[in-house]
Amino acid sequence: MSVLYRRVCVLVCSLRAFLMPMLILVLIPTVSQSAEKNSVGLEQMRLASAVGARCSGFYDGVYALLHNMEKEADKESLTVINSNWPGVNKRYVFRQSTSAMLLTDIFIRQMNQTFEPKQLFSLQSFAEDYVNSRKAAMAWTNQSVMNDIQKQQREQCEHILQITKRNGTLRDDMINNAMQKRSVALGVDLKMME
């Protein structure tokens, strides 16, 4: 069992409340024990990749939300967001989005190498997870329910990224390098981000 696979298992276990209904379906025996183990491992990694894509979308959605509020000089909404999420700024959410994207890419490469699926996975395979999460984050308004949803999503994604940094899957140098490349590709200036 590879180190990364064990890390994915830890990650999936930490998300068990979110993933349990789906994992129960996967665990129903339908084929031989060996094939079943392979299937469960692939499904766990696929779900972990989807969660990573959703986190990346969430942070990018918050980035766009902050950008639009700044552009419209909506100080009231910016104050509310900052009171709900102390210290949040565009640079921070850009970094977290990049981290989640890197993590998703690591999972995808591991799935393709370990399980050799007929059709290889790519970031595009999880585009729907990313886009839906981004749209949901951008739709935030100052309502109790929306504030709770944003907080829950943030806590889940922060937890995932903390685990991956603690266990060495993601390192600061990897994230910094990816941020630099991504900022150039997107035409955004990291130095101008607050």
C-alpha atoms as a PDB file:
ATOM      1  CA  MET A   1       0.000   0.000   0.000  1.00  0.00           C
ATOM      2  CA  SER A   2       1.587   3.277  -1.107  1.00  0.00           C
ATOM      3  CA  VAL A   3       2.079   6.214   1.228  1.00  0.00           C
ATOM      4  CA  LEU A   4      -0.170   8.415  -0.889  1.00  0.00           C
ATOM      5  CA  TYR A   5      -2.907   5.788  -0.899  1.00  0.00           C
ATOM      6  CA  ARG A   6      -2.782   5.667   2.918  1.00  0.00           C
ATOM      7  CA  ARG A   7      -3.016   9.454   2.975  1.00  0.00           C
ATOM      8  CA  VAL A   8      -6.070   9.326   0.742  1.00  0.00           C
ATOM      9  CA  CYS A   9      -7.649   6.807   3.097  1.00  0.00           C
ATOM     10  CA  VAL A  10      -6.999   9.144   6.032  1.00  0.00           C
ATOM     11  CA  LEU A  11      -8.495  12.009   4.051  1.00  0.00           C
ATOM     12  CA  VAL A  12     -11.555  10.006   3.087  1.00  0.00           C
ATOM     13  CA  CYS A  13     -12.002   8.840   6.686  1.00  0.00           C
ATOM     14  CA  SER A  14     -11.933  12.450   7.841  1.00  0.00           C
ATOM     15  CA  LEU A  15     -14.745  13.158   5.394  1.00  0.00           C
ATOM     16  CA  ARG A  16     -16.767  10.068   6.301  1.00  0.00           C
ATOM     17  CA  ALA A  17     -19.927  11.967   7.232  1.00  0.00           C
ATOM     18  CA  PHE A  18     -19.916  13.566   3.805  1.00  0.00           C
ATOM     19  CA  LEU A  19     -18.900  10.451   1.876  1.00  0.00           C
ATOM     20  CA  MET A  20     -20.530   7.639   3.891  1.00  0.00           C
ATOM     21  CA  PRO A  21     -23.752   7.283   1.836  1.00  0.00           C
ATOM     22  CA  MET A  22     -21.705   6.924  -1.344  1.00  0.00           C
ATOM     23  CA  LEU A  23     -19.143   4.588   0.206  1.00  0.00           C
ATOM     24  CA  ILE A  24     -21.863   2.251   1.514  1.00  0.00           C
ATOM     25  CA  LEU A  25     -23.043   1.702  -2.052  1.00  0.00           C
ATOM     26  CA  VAL A  26     -19.495   0.989  -3.180  1.00  0.00           C
ATOM     27  CA  LEU A  27     -18.901  -1.507  -0.400  1.00  0.00           C
ATOM     28  CA  ILE A  28     -21.825  -3.758  -1.400  1.00  0.00           C
ATOM     29  CA  PRO A  29     -20.146  -6.952  -2.641  1.00  0.00           C
ATOM     30  CA  THR A  30     -20.816  -7.643  -6.287  1.00  0.00           C
ATOM     31  CA  VAL A  31     -17.651  -9.344  -7.558  1.00  0.00           C
ATOM     32  CA  SER A  32     -14.644 -11.178  -6.198  1.00  0.00           C
ATOM     33  CA  GLN A  33     -12.934  -9.901  -3.056  1.00  0.00           C
ATOM     34  CA  SER A  34      -9.803  -8.815  -4.940  1.00  0.00           C
ATOM     35  CA  ALA A  35     -11.710  -6.820  -7.556  1.00  0.00           C
ATOM     36  CA  GLU A  36     -13.909  -5.339  -4.830  1.00  0.00           C
ATOM     37  CA  LYS A  37     -10.870  -3.983  -2.938  1.00  0.00           C
ATOM     38  CA  ASN A  38      -9.564  -2.440  -6.151  1.00  0.00           C
ATOM     39  CA  SER A  39     -12.956  -0.888  -6.875  1.00  0.00           C
ATOM     40  CA  VAL A  40     -13.276   0.558  -3.373  1.00  0.00           C
ATOM     41  CA  GLY A  41      -9.790   2.048  -3.564  1.00  0.00           C
ATOM     42  CA  LEU A  42     -10.525   3.676  -6.908  1.00  0.00           C
ATOM     43  CA  GLU A  43     -13.883   4.983  -5.736  1.00  0.00           C
ATOM     44  CA  GLN A  44     -12.366   6.462  -2.574  1.00  0.00           C
ATOM     45  CA  MET A  45      -9.710   8.236  -4.604  1.00  0.00           C
ATOM     46  CA  ARG A  46     -12.271   9.430  -7.137  1.00  0.00           C
ATOM     47  CA  LEU A  47     -14.385  10.872  -4.329  1.00  0.00           C
ATOM     48  CA  ALA A  48     -11.330  12.503  -2.746  1.00  0.00           C
ATOM     49  CA  SER A  49     -10.479  14.048  -6.143  1.00  0.00           C
ATOM     50  CA  ALA A  50     -14.018  15.389  -6.451  1.00  0.00           C
ATOM     51  CA  VAL A  51     -13.777  16.935  -2.978  1.00  0.00           C
ATOM     52  CA  GLY A  52     -10.453  18.552  -3.945  1.00  0.00           C
ATOM     53  CA  ALA A  53     -12.042  19.999  -7.095  1.00  0.00           C
ATOM     54  CA  ARG A  54     -14.989  21.312  -5.073  1.00  0.00           C
ATOM     55  CA  CYS A  55     -12.615  22.991  -2.627  1.00  0.00           C
ATOM     56  CA  SER A  56     -10.688  24.612  -5.465  1.00  0.00           C
ATOM     57  CA  GLY A  57     -13.979  25.848  -6.924  1.00  0.00           C
ATOM     58  CA  PHE A  58     -15.103  27.136  -3.529  1.00  0.00           C
ATOM     59  CA  TYR A  59     -11.958  29.203  -3.011  1.00  0.00           C
ATOM     60  CA  ASP A  60     -12.031  30.533  -6.588  1.00  0.00           C
ATOM     61  CA  GLY A  61     -15.677  31.485  -6.073  1.00  0.00           C
ATOM     62  CA  VAL A  62     -14.791  33.405  -2.915  1.00  0.00           C
ATOM     63  CA  TYR A  63     -11.946  35.079  -4.831  1.00  0.00           C
ATOM     64  CA  ALA A  64     -14.404  36.231  -7.513  1.00  0.00           C
ATOM     65  CA  LEU A  65     -16.867  37.336  -4.841  1.00  0.00           C
ATOM     66  CA  LEU A  66     -14.233  39.461  -3.078  1.00  0.00           C
ATOM     67  CA  HIS A  67     -13.040  40.874  -6.415  1.00  0.00           C
ATOM     68  CA  ASN A  68     -16.569  41.907  -7.397  1.00  0.00           C
ATOM     69  CA  MET A  69     -17.244  43.485  -4.004  1.00  0.00           C
ATOM     70  CA  GLU A  70     -14.028  45.490  -4.218  1.00  0.00           C
ATOM     71  CA  LYS A  71     -14.850  46.560  -7.769  1.00  0.00           C
ATOM     72  CA  GLU A  72     -18.312  47.710  -6.704  1.00  0.00           C
ATOM     73  CA  ALA A  73     -16.922  49.289  -3.510  1.00  0.00           C
ATOM     74  CA  ASP A  74     -19.399  47.207  -1.502  1.00  0.00           C
ATOM     75  CA  LYS A  75     -17.820  47.927   1.866  1.00  0.00           C
ATOM     76  CA  GLU A  76     -20.794  46.607   3.806  1.00  0.00           C
ATOM     77  CA  SER A  77     -20.584  43.121   2.257  1.00  0.00           C
ATOM     78  CA  LEU A  78     -16.792  43.089   2.599  1.00  0.00           C
ATOM     79  CA  THR A  79     -17.161  43.920   6.297  1.00  0.00           C
ATOM     80  CA  VAL A  80     -19.682  41.106   6.757  1.00  0.00           C
ATOM     81  CA  ILE A  81     -17.461  38.561   4.974  1.00  0.00           C
ATOM     82  CA  ASN A  82     -14.481  39.628   7.071  1.00  0.00           C
ATOM     83  CA  SER A  83     -16.481  39.308  10.277  1.00  0.00           C
ATOM     84  CA  ASN A  84     -17.614  35.804   9.241  1.00  0.00           C
ATOM     85  CA  TRP A  85     -14.149  34.836   7.997  1.00  0.00           C
ATOM     86  CA  PRO A  86     -11.487  36.909   9.803  1.00  0.00           C
ATOM     87  CA  GLY A  87      -8.429  37.662   7.715  1.00  0.00           C
ATOM     88  CA  VAL A  88      -9.844  36.427   4.403  1.00  0.00           C
ATOM     89  CA  ASN A  89      -8.402  38.122   1.319  1.00  0.00           C
ATOM     90  CA  LYS A  90      -7.874  37.374  -2.355  1.00  0.00           C
ATOM     91  CA  ARG A  91      -4.280  36.209  -1.969  1.00  0.00           C
ATOM     92  CA  TYR A  92      -5.231  33.718   0.732  1.00  0.00           C
ATOM     93  CA  VAL A  93      -8.130  32.168  -1.220  1.00  0.00           C
ATOM     94  CA  PHE A  94      -6.014  32.099  -4.401  1.00  0.00           C
ATOM     95  CA  ARG A  95      -3.353  30.168  -2.469  1.00  0.00           C
ATOM     96  CA  GLN A  96      -5.921  27.759  -1.029  1.00  0.00           C
ATOM     97  CA  SER A  97      -7.531  27.218  -4.426  1.00  0.00           C
ATOM     98  CA  THR A  98      -4.132  26.475  -5.946  1.00  0.00           C
ATOM     99  CA  SER A  99      -3.385  24.045  -3.098  1.00  0.00           C
ATOM    100  CA  ALA A 100      -6.688  22.208  -3.622  1.00  0.00           C
ATOM    101  CA  MET A 101      -6.037  22.042  -7.368  1.00  0.00           C
ATOM    102  CA  LEU A 102      -2.556  20.595  -6.775  1.00  0.00           C
ATOM    103  CA  LEU A 103      -4.014  18.024  -4.410  1.00  0.00           C
ATOM    104  CA  THR A 104      -6.653  17.015  -6.947  1.00  0.00           C
ATOM    105  CA  ASP A 105      -3.957  16.626  -9.597  1.00  0.00           C
ATOM    106  CA  ILE A 106      -1.908  14.401  -7.256  1.00  0.00           C
ATOM    107  CA  PHE A 107      -4.943  12.175  -6.649  1.00  0.00           C
ATOM    108  CA  ILE A 108      -5.661  11.977 -10.382  1.00  0.00           C
ATOM    109  CA  ARG A 109      -2.097  10.917 -11.207  1.00  0.00           C
ATOM    110  CA  GLN A 110      -2.195   8.314  -8.430  1.00  0.00           C
ATOM    111  CA  MET A 111      -5.516   6.908  -9.704  1.00  0.00           C
ATOM    112  CA  ASN A 112      -4.244   6.677 -13.271  1.00  0.00           C
ATOM    113  CA  GLN A 113      -1.002   4.969 -12.208  1.00  0.00           C
ATOM    114  CA  THR A 114      -2.449   2.625  -9.578  1.00  0.00           C
ATOM    115  CA  PHE A 115      -5.673   1.508 -11.239  1.00  0.00           C
ATOM    116  CA  GLU A 116      -4.914   2.105 -14.934  1.00  0.00           C
ATOM    117  CA  PRO A 117      -8.525   2.975 -15.853  1.00  0.00           C
ATOM    118  CA  LYS A 118      -9.656   2.448 -19.460  1.00  0.00           C
ATOM    119  CA  GLN A 119     -10.222   6.189 -19.742  1.00  0.00           C
ATOM    120  CA  LEU A 120      -7.619   8.230 -17.867  1.00  0.00           C
ATOM    121  CA  PHE A 121      -8.812  10.793 -15.350  1.00  0.00           C
ATOM    122  CA  SER A 122      -7.855  14.464 -15.722  1.00  0.00           C
ATOM    123  CA  LEU A 123      -8.783  17.745 -14.066  1.00  0.00           C
ATOM    124  CA  GLN A 124     -11.492  18.005 -16.727  1.00  0.00           C
ATOM    125  CA  SER A 125     -13.082  14.842 -15.271  1.00  0.00           C
ATOM    126  CA  PHE A 126     -13.945  16.913 -12.180  1.00  0.00           C
ATOM    127  CA  ALA A 127     -14.874  20.159 -13.943  1.00  0.00           C
ATOM    128  CA  GLU A 128     -18.532  19.877 -12.946  1.00  0.00           C
ATOM    129  CA  ASP A 129     -17.602  19.580  -9.246  1.00  0.00           C
ATOM    130  CA  TYR A 130     -15.354  22.641  -9.585  1.00  0.00           C
ATOM    131  CA  VAL A 131     -17.849  24.783 -11.525  1.00  0.00           C
ATOM    132  CA  ASN A 132     -20.846  24.009  -9.299  1.00  0.00           C
ATOM    133  CA  SER A 133     -18.844  24.780  -6.162  1.00  0.00           C
ATOM    134  CA  ARG A 134     -17.493  28.023  -7.642  1.00  0.00           C
ATOM    135  CA  LYS A 135     -20.969  29.194  -8.638  1.00  0.00           C
ATOM    136  CA  ALA A 136     -22.356  28.367  -5.196  1.00  0.00           C
ATOM    137  CA  ALA A 137     -19.566  30.331  -3.477  1.00  0.00           C
ATOM    138  CA  MET A 138     -20.114  33.340  -5.761  1.00  0.00           C
ATOM    139  CA  ALA A 139     -23.853  33.318  -4.979  1.00  0.00           C
ATOM    140  CA  TRP A 140     -23.217  34.209  -1.324  1.00  0.00           C
ATOM    141  CA  THR A 141     -25.452  36.847   0.230  1.00  0.00           C
ATOM    142  CA  ASN A 142     -25.536  38.029   3.809  1.00  0.00           C
ATOM    143  CA  GLN A 143     -28.100  35.601   5.176  1.00  0.00           C
ATOM    144  CA  SER A 144     -27.770  33.283   8.133  1.00  0.00           C
ATOM    145  CA  VAL A 145     -28.139  30.149   5.984  1.00  0.00           C
ATOM    146  CA  MET A 146     -25.617  31.366   3.402  1.00  0.00           C
ATOM    147  CA  ASN A 147     -23.142  32.332   6.124  1.00  0.00           C
ATOM    148  CA  ASP A 148     -23.463  28.856   7.664  1.00  0.00           C
ATOM    149  CA  ILE A 149     -22.972  27.152   4.285  1.00  0.00           C
ATOM    150  CA  GLN A 150     -19.867  29.237   3.585  1.00  0.00           C
ATOM    151  CA  LYS A 151     -18.487  28.456   7.040  1.00  0.00           C
ATOM    152  CA  GLN A 152     -19.091  24.701   6.694  1.00  0.00           C
ATOM    153  CA  GLN A 153     -17.483  24.570   3.255  1.00  0.00           C
ATOM    154  CA  ARG A 154     -14.522  26.602   4.477  1.00  0.00           C
ATOM    155  CA  GLU A 155     -14.009  24.400   7.548  1.00  0.00           C
ATOM    156  CA  GLN A 156     -14.146  21.215   5.473  1.00  0.00           C
ATOM    157  CA  CYS A 157     -11.660  22.506   2.891  1.00  0.00           C
ATOM    158  CA  GLU A 158      -9.328  23.980   5.514  1.00  0.00           C
ATOM    159  CA  HIS A 159      -9.297  20.639   7.335  1.00  0.00           C
ATOM    160  CA  ILE A 160      -8.430  18.713   4.176  1.00  0.00           C
ATOM    161  CA  LEU A 161      -5.604  21.085   3.263  1.00  0.00           C
ATOM    162  CA  GLN A 162      -4.200  21.076   6.799  1.00  0.00           C
ATOM    163  CA  ILE A 163      -4.019  17.267   6.722  1.00  0.00           C
ATOM    164  CA  THR A 164      -2.193  17.254   3.389  1.00  0.00           C
ATOM    165  CA  LYS A 165       0.311  19.862   4.555  1.00  0.00           C
ATOM    166  CA  ARG A 166       0.960  18.063   7.840  1.00  0.00           C
ATOM    167  CA  ASN A 167       1.581  14.723   6.141  1.00  0.00           C
ATOM    168  CA  GLY A 168       3.836  16.252   3.477  1.00  0.00           C
ATOM    169  CA  THR A 169       1.629  15.668   0.430  1.00  0.00           C
ATOM    170  CA  LEU A 170       1.653  19.429  -0.161  1.00  0.00           C
ATOM    171  CA  ARG A 171       4.637  21.629   0.692  1.00  0.00           C
ATOM    172  CA  ASP A 172       4.970  25.410   0.688  1.00  0.00           C
ATOM    173  CA  ASP A 173       7.538  25.377  -2.131  1.00  0.00           C
ATOM    174  CA  MET A 174       5.159  23.342  -4.342  1.00  0.00           C
ATOM    175  CA  ILE A 175       2.282  25.702  -3.599  1.00  0.00           C
ATOM    176  CA  ASN A 176       4.355  28.869  -4.118  1.00  0.00           C
ATOM    177  CA  ASN A 177       5.663  27.594  -7.457  1.00  0.00           C
ATOM    178  CA  ALA A 178       2.169  26.616  -8.629  1.00  0.00           C
ATOM    179  CA  MET A 179       0.755  29.984  -7.503  1.00  0.00           C
ATOM    180  CA  GLN A 180       3.383  31.824  -9.518  1.00  0.00           C
ATOM    181  CA  LYS A 181       2.708  29.795 -12.668  1.00  0.00           C
ATOM    182  CA  ARG A 182      -1.041  30.043 -12.244  1.00  0.00           C
ATOM    183  CA  SER A 183      -0.974  33.809 -11.685  1.00  0.00           C
ATOM    184  CA  VAL A 184       1.004  34.262 -14.921  1.00  0.00           C
ATOM    185  CA  ALA A 185      -1.393  31.989 -16.827  1.00  0.00           C
ATOM    186  CA  LEU A 186      -4.435  33.880 -15.476  1.00  0.00           C
ATOM    187  CA  GLY A 187      -2.863  37.327 -15.826  1.00  0.00           C
ATOM    188  CA  VAL A 188      -3.218  38.255 -12.175  1.00  0.00           C
ATOM    189  CA  ASP A 189      -0.599  40.072 -10.130  1.00  0.00           C
ATOM    190  CA  LEU A 190       0.146  38.320  -6.840  1.00  0.00           C
ATOM    191  CA  LYS A 191       1.694  41.504  -5.452  1.00  0.00           C
ATOM    192  CA  MET A 192      -1.601  43.377  -5.932  1.00  0.00           C
ATOM    193  CA  MET A 193      -3.626  40.831  -3.993  1.00  0.00           C
ATOM    194  CA  GLU A 194      -4.570  41.724  -0.449  1.00  0.00           C
END
